[in-house]
Protein backbone atom coordinates (compact mmCIF):
# COMPACT_ATOMS: atom_id res chain seq x y z
CA UNK A 1 22.30 76.04 -4.88
CA UNK A 2 22.22 79.03 -7.24
CA UNK A 3 21.76 78.10 -11.58
CA UNK A 4 24.07 80.20 -13.63
CA UNK A 5 22.80 82.83 -16.52
CA UNK A 6 23.52 80.05 -18.82
CA UNK A 7 21.17 77.73 -17.32
CA UNK A 8 18.51 79.69 -16.68
CA UNK A 9 18.57 81.02 -20.47
CA UNK A 10 18.75 77.78 -21.44
CA UNK A 11 15.23 77.08 -19.88
CA UNK A 12 14.12 80.38 -20.85
CA UNK A 13 14.60 79.23 -24.69
CA UNK A 14 13.75 75.71 -24.10
CA UNK A 15 10.42 76.84 -22.99
CA UNK A 16 10.09 79.06 -26.00
CA UNK A 17 10.77 76.45 -28.27
CA UNK A 18 8.32 73.84 -26.82
CA UNK A 19 5.44 76.52 -27.01
CA UNK A 20 5.18 75.86 -30.81
CA UNK A 21 6.25 72.63 -33.26
CA UNK A 22 7.94 74.79 -35.43
CA UNK A 23 11.98 75.60 -35.52
CA UNK A 24 12.36 78.94 -34.49
CA UNK A 25 15.75 81.03 -35.19
CA UNK A 26 18.01 82.27 -32.43
CA UNK A 27 17.54 85.60 -33.49
CA UNK A 28 13.72 85.01 -32.78
CA UNK A 29 15.08 83.47 -29.05
CA UNK A 30 16.74 86.13 -28.70
CA UNK A 31 14.88 89.14 -29.16
CA UNK A 32 11.72 87.56 -27.18
CA UNK A 33 14.22 86.67 -24.60
CA UNK A 34 16.26 89.62 -24.26
CA UNK A 35 19.39 87.19 -24.62
CA UNK A 36 22.45 88.16 -27.12
CA UNK A 37 22.47 85.65 -29.94
CA UNK A 38 26.09 84.88 -29.18
CA UNK A 39 25.70 83.57 -26.33
CA UNK A 40 22.45 81.35 -27.33
CA UNK A 41 25.21 80.10 -29.81
CA UNK A 42 27.09 78.59 -26.91
CA UNK A 43 24.22 77.35 -25.31
CA UNK A 44 22.45 75.96 -27.88
CA UNK A 45 25.47 74.20 -29.09
CA UNK A 46 25.72 71.96 -25.94
CA UNK A 47 21.80 71.67 -26.21
CA UNK A 48 22.35 70.13 -29.73
CA UNK A 49 25.26 67.88 -28.68
CA UNK A 50 22.96 66.54 -25.61
CA UNK A 51 20.42 65.47 -28.19
CA UNK A 52 17.76 68.26 -26.73
CA UNK A 53 17.29 70.21 -30.16
CA UNK A 54 17.86 69.86 -33.54
CA UNK A 55 18.96 72.64 -36.08
CA UNK A 56 17.00 73.14 -39.54
CA UNK A 57 18.72 75.36 -42.25
CA UNK A 58 16.99 77.22 -45.14
CA UNK A 59 14.31 80.05 -45.20
CA UNK A 60 12.33 78.34 -42.74
CA UNK A 61 15.26 77.33 -40.57
CA UNK A 62 16.03 77.09 -37.17
CA UNK A 63 16.06 75.46 -33.48
CA UNK A 64 13.73 72.91 -32.77
CA UNK A 65 12.82 70.32 -29.94
CA UNK A 66 14.31 67.00 -30.93
CA UNK A 67 12.13 65.12 -28.32
CA UNK A 68 8.81 65.27 -27.24
CA UNK A 69 8.64 68.36 -24.50
CA UNK A 70 6.97 65.57 -22.06
CA UNK A 71 10.52 63.82 -22.20
CA UNK A 72 12.50 66.06 -21.60
CA UNK A 73 13.13 67.29 -17.85
CA UNK A 74 14.62 69.83 -16.12
CA UNK A 75 17.83 67.38 -15.26
CA UNK A 76 18.24 66.97 -18.89
CA UNK A 77 18.84 70.53 -19.12
CA UNK A 78 20.79 71.30 -16.54
CA UNK A 79 23.16 68.41 -17.56
CA UNK A 80 23.25 69.80 -21.45
CA UNK A 81 24.30 73.10 -20.20
CA UNK A 82 27.26 71.98 -17.49
CA UNK A 83 24.93 72.95 -14.39
CA UNK A 84 26.21 71.29 -11.31
CA UNK A 85 23.10 70.82 -9.09
CA UNK A 86 25.03 69.79 -5.98
CA UNK A 87 24.88 71.87 -2.78
CA UNK A 88 28.59 70.92 -1.44
CA UNK A 89 31.66 69.79 -2.60
CA UNK A 90 31.54 67.13 -0.76
CA UNK A 91 28.94 65.52 -2.66
CA UNK A 92 30.63 65.36 -6.24
CA UNK A 93 33.71 65.28 -4.98
CA UNK A 94 34.48 63.62 -1.73
CA UNK A 95 36.32 65.25 1.37
CA UNK A 96 38.98 63.86 3.50
CA UNK A 97 36.21 64.70 6.18
CA UNK A 98 33.18 63.10 4.98
CA UNK A 99 33.83 59.88 7.05
CA UNK A 100 34.02 61.78 10.52
CA UNK A 101 31.52 64.91 9.10
CA UNK A 102 28.11 64.48 10.45
CA UNK A 103 26.98 67.45 7.82
CA UNK A 104 27.66 65.03 4.58
CA UNK A 105 24.91 63.16 5.31
CA UNK A 106 22.89 66.19 5.30
CA UNK A 107 24.35 67.60 1.98
CA UNK A 108 24.15 64.01 0.51
CA UNK A 109 20.32 64.13 1.51
CA UNK A 110 19.78 67.25 0.21
CA UNK A 111 21.50 66.86 -3.32
CA UNK A 112 19.11 63.78 -3.95
CA UNK A 113 15.93 65.51 -3.21
CA UNK A 114 17.19 68.60 -5.66
CA UNK A 115 18.21 65.59 -8.53
CA UNK A 116 14.66 64.11 -7.42
CA UNK A 117 12.98 67.41 -8.20
CA UNK A 118 14.70 67.78 -11.71
CA UNK A 119 14.37 64.95 -12.83
CA UNK A 120 10.37 64.85 -12.26
CA UNK A 121 9.70 68.11 -13.50
CA UNK A 122 9.32 67.77 -17.36
CA UNK A 123 9.70 70.77 -20.17
CA UNK A 124 5.73 69.95 -20.71
CA UNK A 125 4.91 71.12 -16.87
CA UNK A 126 6.08 74.53 -17.82
CA UNK A 127 4.54 75.22 -21.23
CA UNK A 128 0.94 75.71 -19.60
């Protein structure tokens, strides 16, 4: 499994937001993390749609975590930006060989372990 840049950037931005309980403008996040503002806009649109962040307008505006960092998992972030964490296509979309394929069992076990790991790691775990 390889994560996309979009997911890597989303996670880095969420960690930055979690460090302080104040809103951060995208320009600040972009500069701190070396990510283009335009790309962050797309990412934060998805994070906001999924209820992980919220925006605030005004002079002290920007984005902030909508939930407590201890209630946000890596799985939440991956899902928000549309990251497919499956290790093999047969796990998610099925396969005509699935009933005969001995490897399918292994892929499903690996997939389950990855999803369990992502759901067990909280954003707050990464803030220390």
